[in-house]
Amino acid sequence: MEAFFRIGVQWLHVTAGVLWIGGGFYTILVQLPALLASPPAARGAVMPNLVPRQLTYIFRVAEFTMLTGLLNVFASGRAQELSRLDTRWSWAILGGAILAVGVYAMTRATIARFAVRLLELGPLAASGDAAAAAQMPQLVARLRRFGYIQLAIGAVILLAMVTARFS
């Protein structure tokens, strides 16, 4: 029964991690370019429905990933190794956890703020406000830049977890 719990937690953790990082790839590589190619009036109608849902999704799946990661440490039976930091596994898990919490905190602090600002500016820009329209590309560039940083850190986390898995 213990093995089933460990495998189940591990499966949930990997699936949640794929959804978290995959959601970032989808947002940056598919969704953002598609929105930018759409006319401003169409964006204005979609963004108020899309952005809050997407933020909720990203935050909940990130939280679930970190929770199942913590459970996975204990289910693996190797939690005591974290207190010694004398194995490749312990360093990989610690590094991955620190990076995951860091990405989550940075996302909460930046992406959410930029996205809310986009929602504020969208209707103004669509109604012809030149100042609002001028701020939009800057915010989109910040979102894209942070998205690429987040994806790079996600790749490092993935490498750390693969290292831990095979240690």
Foldseek 3Di string as FASTA:
>chain_A
DLVVVLVVLVVLLVVLLCCLLVLLCCCQPPVLVVLVVDPLVVNLVCLVVPVVVSVVSNLVSLVSNLVSLVVNCVSVVPVVCLVVVPDLLNVLSVLLNVLSVVLSVVCVVQVVVLSVLCNVLSVVVVVPNPVSVVCVVVSSVVNNVSSVVSSVSSVSNVVSVVSNVVD
